[in-house]
C-alpha atoms as a PDB file:
ATOM      1  CA  MET A   1      66.134 101.376  68.027  1.00  0.00           C
ATOM      2  CA  ALA A   2      66.292  97.794  66.779  1.00  0.00           C
ATOM      3  CA  PHE A   3      68.455  97.285  63.701  1.00  0.00           C
ATOM      4  CA  ALA A   4      69.611 100.924  63.837  1.00  0.00           C
ATOM      5  CA  LEU A   5      72.815 100.287  61.879  1.00  0.00           C
ATOM      6  CA  ALA A   6      70.971  98.681  58.986  1.00  0.00           C
ATOM      7  CA  ARG A   7      68.441 101.496  58.909  1.00  0.00           C
ATOM      8  CA  LYS A   8      71.177 104.136  58.754  1.00  0.00           C
ATOM      9  CA  LEU A   9      73.232 102.399  56.085  1.00  0.00           C
ATOM     10  CA  ARG A  10      70.250 101.460  53.941  1.00  0.00           C
ATOM     11  CA  ALA A  11      69.166 105.115  54.086  1.00  0.00           C
ATOM     12  CA  GLY A  12      72.514 106.151  52.592  1.00  0.00           C
ATOM     13  CA  GLU A  13      74.185 107.440  55.756  1.00  0.00           C
ATOM     14  CA  THR A  14      77.894 107.085  56.487  1.00  0.00           C
ATOM     15  CA  VAL A  15      78.704 105.320  59.757  1.00  0.00           C
ATOM     16  CA  PHE A  16      82.056 105.366  61.558  1.00  0.00           C
ATOM     17  CA  THR A  17      82.544 102.362  63.811  1.00  0.00           C
ATOM     18  CA  ALA A  18      84.898 101.569  66.656  1.00  0.00           C
ATOM     19  CA  TRP A  19      87.040  98.430  66.400  1.00  0.00           C
ATOM     20  CA  CYS A  20      87.710  96.414  69.530  1.00  0.00           C
ATOM     21  CA  ASN A  21      90.415  93.753  69.921  1.00  0.00           C
ATOM     22  CA  LEU A  22      91.129  93.707  73.647  1.00  0.00           C
ATOM     23  CA  GLY A  23      88.302  91.410  74.673  1.00  0.00           C
ATOM     24  CA  SER A  24      87.045  93.914  77.247  1.00  0.00           C
ATOM     25  CA  PRO A  25      83.317  94.702  77.318  1.00  0.00           C
ATOM     26  CA  VAL A  26      84.003  97.732  79.542  1.00  0.00           C
ATOM     27  CA  VAL A  27      86.490  99.195  77.060  1.00  0.00           C
ATOM     28  CA  ALA A  28      84.085  98.643  74.158  1.00  0.00           C
ATOM     29  CA  GLU A  29      81.260 100.255  76.109  1.00  0.00           C
ATOM     30  CA  SER A  30      83.421 103.221  77.093  1.00  0.00           C
ATOM     31  CA  ILE A  31      84.454 103.891  73.498  1.00  0.00           C
ATOM     32  CA  VAL A  32      80.876 103.703  72.235  1.00  0.00           C
ATOM     33  CA  ARG A  33      79.747 106.128  74.929  1.00  0.00           C
ATOM     34  CA  GLU A  34      82.078 108.711  73.398  1.00  0.00           C
ATOM     35  CA  GLY A  35      79.852 108.806  70.315  1.00  0.00           C
ATOM     36  CA  TYR A  36      80.467 105.844  68.025  1.00  0.00           C
ATOM     37  CA  ALA A  37      77.296 104.420  66.512  1.00  0.00           C
ATOM     38  CA  CYS A  38      78.761 100.919  66.361  1.00  0.00           C
ATOM     39  CA  ALA A  39      81.559  98.762  67.719  1.00  0.00           C
ATOM     40  CA  VAL A  40      83.045  95.738  65.980  1.00  0.00           C
ATOM     41  CA  LEU A  41      84.165  93.010  68.386  1.00  0.00           C
ATOM     42  CA  ASP A  42      86.994  91.297  66.523  1.00  0.00           C
ATOM     43  CA  ARG A  43      87.057  87.583  67.284  1.00  0.00           C
ATOM     44  CA  GLN A  44      89.316  86.776  64.341  1.00  0.00           C
ATOM     45  CA  HIS A  45      92.437  88.500  65.660  1.00  0.00           C
ATOM     46  CA  GLY A  46      91.219  89.918  68.974  1.00  0.00           C
ATOM     47  CA  LEU A  47      91.114  88.466  72.487  1.00  0.00           C
ATOM     48  CA  TRP A  48      87.383  87.758  72.630  1.00  0.00           C
ATOM     49  CA  ASP A  49      86.014  84.392  73.692  1.00  0.00           C
ATOM     50  CA  THR A  50      82.358  83.373  73.666  1.00  0.00           C
ATOM     51  CA  ALA A  51      81.620  84.640  77.170  1.00  0.00           C
ATOM     52  CA  SER A  52      83.224  88.034  76.571  1.00  0.00           C
ATOM     53  CA  ILE A  53      81.487  88.360  73.185  1.00  0.00           C
ATOM     54  CA  ILE A  54      78.129  87.880  74.918  1.00  0.00           C
ATOM     55  CA  ALA A  55      79.045  90.464  77.560  1.00  0.00           C
ATOM     56  CA  GLY A  56      80.499  92.806  74.941  1.00  0.00           C
ATOM     57  CA  ILE A  57      77.378  92.730  72.785  1.00  0.00           C
ATOM     58  CA  ASN A  58      75.315  93.572  75.861  1.00  0.00           C
ATOM     59  CA  ALA A  59      77.694  96.388  76.862  1.00  0.00           C
ATOM     60  CA  VAL A  60      77.713  97.999  73.417  1.00  0.00           C
ATOM     61  CA  HIS A  61      73.935  97.759  73.202  1.00  0.00           C
ATOM     62  CA  ASN A  62      73.492  99.302  76.663  1.00  0.00           C
ATOM     63  CA  ALA A  63      75.804 102.154  75.658  1.00  0.00           C
ATOM     64  CA  GLY A  64      73.441 102.998  72.806  1.00  0.00           C
ATOM     65  CA  GLY A  65      75.529 101.522  69.996  1.00  0.00           C
ATOM     66  CA  THR A  66      75.114  98.675  67.547  1.00  0.00           C
ATOM     67  CA  PRO A  67      77.185  95.564  68.302  1.00  0.00           C
ATOM     68  CA  ALA A  68      78.930  93.908  65.356  1.00  0.00           C
ATOM     69  CA  VAL A  69      81.233  90.887  65.367  1.00  0.00           C
ATOM     70  CA  ARG A  70      84.053  89.824  63.087  1.00  0.00           C
ATOM     71  CA  VAL A  71      84.063  86.041  63.170  1.00  0.00           C
ATOM     72  CA  PRO A  72      87.146  83.833  62.777  1.00  0.00           C
ATOM     73  CA  LEU A  73      88.148  82.536  59.375  1.00  0.00           C
ATOM     74  CA  ALA A  74      85.510  80.194  57.907  1.00  0.00           C
ATOM     75  CA  ASP A  75      83.729  79.957  61.278  1.00  0.00           C
ATOM     76  CA  PHE A  76      80.260  80.141  59.786  1.00  0.00           C
ATOM     77  CA  ALA A  77      78.822  78.316  62.799  1.00  0.00           C
ATOM     78  CA  PHE A  78      79.676  81.329  64.959  1.00  0.00           C
ATOM     79  CA  VAL A  79      77.906  83.686  62.536  1.00  0.00           C
ATOM     80  CA  SER A  80      74.464  82.538  63.633  1.00  0.00           C
ATOM     81  CA  ARG A  81      75.542  82.265  67.284  1.00  0.00           C
ATOM     82  CA  ALA A  82      76.740  85.881  67.322  1.00  0.00           C
ATOM     83  CA  LEU A  83      73.456  87.001  65.782  1.00  0.00           C
ATOM     84  CA  ASP A  84      71.542  84.995  68.379  1.00  0.00           C
ATOM     85  CA  PHE A  85      73.587  86.741  71.080  1.00  0.00           C
ATOM     86  CA  GLY A  86      72.384  90.098  69.709  1.00  0.00           C
ATOM     87  CA  ALA A  87      74.986  91.191  67.159  1.00  0.00           C
ATOM     88  CA  GLU A  88      73.381  93.159  64.335  1.00  0.00           C
ATOM     89  CA  ALA A  89      76.214  92.878  61.818  1.00  0.00           C
ATOM     90  CA  ILE A  90      78.738  90.180  60.989  1.00  0.00           C
ATOM     91  CA  ILE A  91      82.055  90.708  59.223  1.00  0.00           C
ATOM     92  CA  ALA A  92      83.478  87.519  57.721  1.00  0.00           C
ATOM     93  CA  PRO A  93      87.139  87.409  56.636  1.00  0.00           C
ATOM     94  CA  MET A  94      88.587  85.981  53.434  1.00  0.00           C
ATOM     95  CA  ILE A  95      85.407  85.668  51.413  1.00  0.00           C
ATOM     96  CA  ASN A  96      87.234  84.700  48.241  1.00  0.00           C
ATOM     97  CA  THR A  97      84.610  82.952  46.130  1.00  0.00           C
ATOM     98  CA  VAL A  98      80.883  82.842  45.488  1.00  0.00           C
ATOM     99  CA  ALA A  99      80.823  79.554  47.385  1.00  0.00           C
ATOM    100  CA  ASP A 100      82.286  81.322  50.436  1.00  0.00           C
ATOM    101  CA  ALA A 101      79.708  84.094  50.082  1.00  0.00           C
ATOM    102  CA  ARG A 102      76.840  81.639  49.820  1.00  0.00           C
ATOM    103  CA  GLN A 103      78.015  79.771  52.915  1.00  0.00           C
ATOM    104  CA  PHE A 104      78.271  83.032  54.835  1.00  0.00           C
ATOM    105  CA  ALA A 105      74.803  84.180  53.745  1.00  0.00           C
ATOM    106  CA  ALA A 106      73.301  80.786  54.536  1.00  0.00           C
ATOM    107  CA  ALA A 107      74.491  81.020  58.142  1.00  0.00           C
ATOM    108  CA  ALA A 108      73.346  84.629  58.587  1.00  0.00           C
ATOM    109  CA  LYS A 109      69.966  84.786  56.866  1.00  0.00           C
ATOM    110  CA  TYR A 110      66.674  83.008  57.476  1.00  0.00           C
ATOM    111  CA  PRO A 111      64.864  81.353  54.550  1.00  0.00           C
ATOM    112  CA  PRO A 112      64.378  82.078  51.747  1.00  0.00           C
ATOM    113  CA  LEU A 113      67.747  83.869  51.619  1.00  0.00           C
ATOM    114  CA  GLY A 114      69.618  81.419  53.822  1.00  0.00           C
ATOM    115  CA  GLU A 115      69.438  78.603  56.333  1.00  0.00           C
ATOM    116  CA  ARG A 116      69.914  80.340  59.678  1.00  0.00           C
ATOM    117  CA  SER A 117      68.557  78.184  62.465  1.00  0.00           C
ATOM    118  CA  TRP A 118      66.000  79.669  64.850  1.00  0.00           C
ATOM    119  CA  GLY A 119      67.147  80.639  68.353  1.00  0.00           C
ATOM    120  CA  PRO A 120      67.494  84.436  68.803  1.00  0.00           C
ATOM    121  CA  GLN A 121      66.083  84.632  72.326  1.00  0.00           C
ATOM    122  CA  ARG A 122      68.798  86.966  73.609  1.00  0.00           C
ATOM    123  CA  ALA A 123      68.729  89.054  70.440  1.00  0.00           C
ATOM    124  CA  MET A 124      64.977  89.510  70.795  1.00  0.00           C
ATOM    125  CA  VAL A 125      65.388  90.780  74.347  1.00  0.00           C
ATOM    126  CA  LEU A 126      68.054  93.312  73.368  1.00  0.00           C
ATOM    127  CA  GLN A 127      65.992  94.495  70.413  1.00  0.00           C
ATOM    128  CA  ALA A 128      62.723  94.661  72.375  1.00  0.00           C
ATOM    129  CA  LYS A 129      61.002  91.995  70.287  1.00  0.00           C
ATOM    130  CA  SER A 130      58.475  90.007  72.318  1.00  0.00           C
ATOM    131  CA  VAL A 131      56.826  88.287  69.345  1.00  0.00           C
ATOM    132  CA  ALA A 132      59.023  85.805  67.505  1.00  0.00           C
ATOM    133  CA  VAL A 133      57.527  86.473  64.100  1.00  0.00           C
ATOM    134  CA  ASP A 134      58.319  90.193  64.424  1.00  0.00           C
ATOM    135  CA  TYR A 135      62.032  89.418  64.746  1.00  0.00           C
ATOM    136  CA  LEU A 136      61.815  86.823  61.972  1.00  0.00           C
ATOM    137  CA  HIS A 137      60.228  89.261  59.537  1.00  0.00           C
ATOM    138  CA  GLU A 138      62.809  91.996  60.205  1.00  0.00           C
ATOM    139  CA  ALA A 139      66.025  90.030  60.741  1.00  0.00           C
ATOM    140  CA  ASN A 140      67.096  89.441  57.145  1.00  0.00           C
ATOM    141  CA  ASP A 141      67.034  93.163  56.365  1.00  0.00           C
ATOM    142  CA  GLY A 142      68.079  94.251  59.849  1.00  0.00           C
ATOM    143  CA  THR A 143      71.159  92.074  60.365  1.00  0.00           C
ATOM    144  CA  LEU A 144      73.996  92.861  57.969  1.00  0.00           C
ATOM    145  CA  THR A 145      76.568  90.632  56.302  1.00  0.00           C
ATOM    146  CA  PHE A 146      79.941  92.169  55.408  1.00  0.00           C
ATOM    147  CA  ALA A 147      82.053  90.004  53.091  1.00  0.00           C
ATOM    148  CA  MET A 148      85.725  90.874  53.422  1.00  0.00           C
ATOM    149  CA  ILE A 149      87.617  91.350  50.159  1.00  0.00           C
ATOM    150  CA  GLU A 150      91.305  91.029  50.961  1.00  0.00           C
ATOM    151  CA  THR A 151      92.985  88.736  48.421  1.00  0.00           C
ATOM    152  CA  ALA A 152      93.720  88.707  44.698  1.00  0.00           C
ATOM    153  CA  THR A 153      91.238  85.838  44.304  1.00  0.00           C
ATOM    154  CA  ALA A 154      88.513  87.858  46.010  1.00  0.00           C
ATOM    155  CA  LEU A 155      89.260  90.834  43.759  1.00  0.00           C
ATOM    156  CA  GLY A 156      88.681  88.634  40.732  1.00  0.00           C
ATOM    157  CA  ASN A 157      85.349  87.463  42.142  1.00  0.00           C
ATOM    158  CA  MET A 158      84.120  90.641  43.829  1.00  0.00           C
ATOM    159  CA  ASP A 159      81.308  91.377  41.383  1.00  0.00           C
ATOM    160  CA  ALA A 160      79.892  87.887  41.801  1.00  0.00           C
ATOM    161  CA  ILE A 161      80.348  88.031  45.577  1.00  0.00           C
ATOM    162  CA  ALA A 162      78.530  91.364  45.704  1.00  0.00           C
ATOM    163  CA  ALA A 163      75.696  89.892  43.625  1.00  0.00           C
ATOM    164  CA  THR A 164      75.230  86.927  45.972  1.00  0.00           C
ATOM    165  CA  PRO A 165      71.785  87.012  47.625  1.00  0.00           C
ATOM    166  CA  GLY A 166      72.142  87.598  51.353  1.00  0.00           C
ATOM    167  CA  ILE A 167      75.416  89.533  51.114  1.00  0.00           C
ATOM    168  CA  ASP A 168      74.757  93.116  52.188  1.00  0.00           C
ATOM    169  CA  ALA A 169      78.205  94.670  51.944  1.00  0.00           C
ATOM    170  CA  LEU A 170      81.790  94.358  50.777  1.00  0.00           C
ATOM    171  CA  PHE A 171      84.407  95.219  53.410  1.00  0.00           C
ATOM    172  CA  VAL A 172      88.017  95.979  52.507  1.00  0.00           C
ATOM    173  CA  GLY A 173      90.727  94.421  54.644  1.00  0.00           C
ATOM    174  CA  PRO A 174      93.505  96.769  53.487  1.00  0.00           C
ATOM    175  CA  TYR A 175      96.433  95.175  55.293  1.00  0.00           C
ATOM    176  CA  ASP A 176      95.788  91.646  54.052  1.00  0.00           C
ATOM    177  CA  LEU A 177      95.020  93.093  50.632  1.00  0.00           C
ATOM    178  CA  SER A 178      98.351  94.920  50.638  1.00  0.00           C
ATOM    179  CA  THR A 179     100.160  91.780  51.743  1.00  0.00           C
ATOM    180  CA  ALA A 180      98.502  89.745  48.997  1.00  0.00           C
ATOM    181  CA  LEU A 181      99.054  92.250  46.182  1.00  0.00           C
ATOM    182  CA  SER A 182     102.723  92.710  47.124  1.00  0.00           C
ATOM    183  CA  GLY A 183     103.370  88.971  47.215  1.00  0.00           C
ATOM    184  CA  GLY A 184     104.004  89.134  50.935  1.00  0.00           C
ATOM    185  CA  MET A 185     106.613  91.860  50.631  1.00  0.00           C
ATOM    186  CA  ALA A 186     104.803  94.881  52.076  1.00  0.00           C
ATOM    187  CA  GLN A 187     101.909  96.265  54.067  1.00  0.00           C
ATOM    188  CA  ASP A 188     101.656  99.606  52.338  1.00  0.00           C
ATOM    189  CA  VAL A 189      97.937 100.360  52.169  1.00  0.00           C
ATOM    190  CA  THR A 190      98.653 103.494  50.118  1.00  0.00           C
ATOM    191  CA  ALA A 191     100.607 101.678  47.390  1.00  0.00           C
ATOM    192  CA  PRO A 192      99.144 102.472  43.953  1.00  0.00           C
ATOM    193  CA  ALA A 193      97.939  98.906  43.337  1.00  0.00           C
ATOM    194  CA  VAL A 194      96.231  98.782  46.730  1.00  0.00           C
ATOM    195  CA  GLU A 195      94.616 102.194  46.316  1.00  0.00           C
ATOM    196  CA  ALA A 196      93.305 101.159  42.889  1.00  0.00           C
ATOM    197  CA  ALA A 197      91.914  97.926  44.317  1.00  0.00           C
ATOM    198  CA  ILE A 198      90.232  99.820  47.159  1.00  0.00           C
ATOM    199  CA  ASP A 199      88.413 102.039  44.672  1.00  0.00           C
ATOM    200  CA  GLU A 200      87.435  99.005  42.564  1.00  0.00           C
ATOM    201  CA  ILE A 201      85.889  97.292  45.596  1.00  0.00           C
ATOM    202  CA  CYS A 202      83.954 100.416  46.532  1.00  0.00           C
ATOM    203  CA  ALA A 203      82.680 100.718  42.963  1.00  0.00           C
ATOM    204  CA  ALA A 204      81.684  97.038  42.817  1.00  0.00           C
ATOM    205  CA  ALA A 205      79.682  97.301  46.024  1.00  0.00           C
ATOM    206  CA  THR A 206      77.982 100.513  44.915  1.00  0.00           C
ATOM    207  CA  LYS A 207      77.169  99.116  41.479  1.00  0.00           C
ATOM    208  CA  ALA A 208      75.517  96.071  43.080  1.00  0.00           C
ATOM    209  CA  GLY A 209      73.496  98.237  45.463  1.00  0.00           C
ATOM    210  CA  LYS A 210      75.509  96.973  48.417  1.00  0.00           C
ATOM    211  CA  ILE A 211      77.277  98.847  51.229  1.00  0.00           C
ATOM    212  CA  PRO A 212      81.008  99.590  50.787  1.00  0.00           C
ATOM    213  CA  GLY A 213      83.026  99.257  53.990  1.00  0.00           C
ATOM    214  CA  ILE A 214      86.679  99.511  54.980  1.00  0.00           C
ATOM    215  CA  TYR A 215      89.050  99.468  57.947  1.00  0.00           C
ATOM    216  CA  CYS A 216      91.202 102.588  58.466  1.00  0.00           C
ATOM    217  CA  ARG A 217      94.181 103.197  60.713  1.00  0.00           C
ATOM    218  CA  ASP A 218      93.094 106.640  61.873  1.00  0.00           C
ATOM    219  CA  ALA A 219      90.487 109.381  61.573  1.00  0.00           C
ATOM    220  CA  ALA A 220      92.245 111.214  58.738  1.00  0.00           C
ATOM    221  CA  ARG A 221      92.252 108.090  56.569  1.00  0.00           C
ATOM    222  CA  ALA A 222      88.644 107.354  57.569  1.00  0.00           C
ATOM    223  CA  LYS A 223      87.473 110.796  56.467  1.00  0.00           C
ATOM    224  CA  ALA A 224      89.313 110.391  53.172  1.00  0.00           C
ATOM    225  CA  MET A 225      87.622 107.028  52.589  1.00  0.00           C
ATOM    226  CA  ALA A 226      84.211 108.569  53.255  1.00  0.00           C
ATOM    227  CA  LYS A 227      84.924 111.090  50.489  1.00  0.00           C
ATOM    228  CA  ARG A 228      85.827 108.199  48.180  1.00  0.00           C
ATOM    229  CA  GLY A 229      82.422 106.595  48.701  1.00  0.00           C
ATOM    230  CA  PHE A 230      82.779 104.227  51.633  1.00  0.00           C
ATOM    231  CA  ARG A 231      79.855 104.278  54.065  1.00  0.00           C
ATOM    232  CA  PHE A 232      80.789 101.830  56.850  1.00  0.00           C
ATOM    233  CA  ILE A 233      84.222 102.796  58.090  1.00  0.00           C
ATOM    234  CA  ALA A 234      86.137 101.301  60.996  1.00  0.00           C
ATOM    235  CA  VAL A 235      88.565 103.666  62.710  1.00  0.00           C
ATOM    236  CA  GLY A 236      91.639 102.465  64.591  1.00  0.00           C
ATOM    237  CA  SER A 237      91.252 100.032  67.496  1.00  0.00           C
ATOM    238  CA  ASP A 238      90.913  99.992  71.241  1.00  0.00           C
ATOM    239  CA  PHE A 239      94.421  98.512  71.419  1.00  0.00           C
ATOM    240  CA  GLY A 240      95.822 101.449  69.475  1.00  0.00           C
ATOM    241  CA  ILE A 241      93.885 103.964  71.556  1.00  0.00           C
ATOM    242  CA  VAL A 242      95.293 102.537  74.808  1.00  0.00           C
ATOM    243  CA  ARG A 243      98.871 102.295  73.542  1.00  0.00           C
ATOM    244  CA  GLU A 244      98.908 105.726  71.916  1.00  0.00           C
ATOM    245  CA  GLY A 245      97.289 107.354  74.928  1.00  0.00           C
ATOM    246  CA  ALA A 246      99.787 105.771  77.294  1.00  0.00           C
ATOM    247  CA  ALA A 247     102.712 106.648  75.035  1.00  0.00           C
ATOM    248  CA  ALA A 248     101.636 110.296  74.877  1.00  0.00           C
ATOM    249  CA  GLN A 249     101.434 110.493  78.680  1.00  0.00           C
ATOM    250  CA  VAL A 250     104.834 108.860  79.182  1.00  0.00           C
ATOM    251  CA  LYS A 251     106.370 111.216  76.610  1.00  0.00           C
ATOM    252  CA  ALA A 252     104.895 114.204  78.428  1.00  0.00           C
ATOM    253  CA  LEU A 253     106.209 112.930  81.768  1.00  0.00           C
ATOM    254  CA  LYS A 254     109.719 112.567  80.382  1.00  0.00           C
ATOM    255  CA  ALA A 255     109.746 115.982  78.717  1.00  0.00           C
END
């Protein structure tokens, strides 16, 4: 179904998403086939280039999942390109101000919400849209913008960011947030100040009628965040899955 992720989240459902750093379309596809509704292809810190992003979006879509992309820092030009390739959600890091949020929304949304340029030929194919105006009329609601809140500055502006037209969600980057709130001294995502900030971000998104999202290290943390009100929750990473799986096998072989 076209724009399935947006439909689920706008209906109030909670969605757990895979997170993929390795730059491998086959790995992303394999993880989605195990039951994830979505996979985020992380171009900010992951190994994806443009060619592999295109292939990865196709692979996730063919596996029955929704492809999402985290773009590099301030790379708003790639926001619209990823959507044209067929991504249905974009996560943008370090959205610290309303100006950042407006720039993000402008790249992701067609008028009147934004200034996205027309060219979604591949997206239309993947979403079974043969008439251009059908995609145009559905895209602003169907493609989601996740503004990452991960600095003290962003915390101070989160209500205004959430209220920005064209921003659909706030997404917590807990490790950068922990680094920022500790003055670069720690990455303790369960520190009291970080936990309080996480709840504040969730509340700000909910109050604004937007989707609260967060990255979690593992399934236990993800389930806890769902109970705290988050509805788009990333769980682990393909890199972690490969390393932990290999480590468990080697440990068993040495036992």
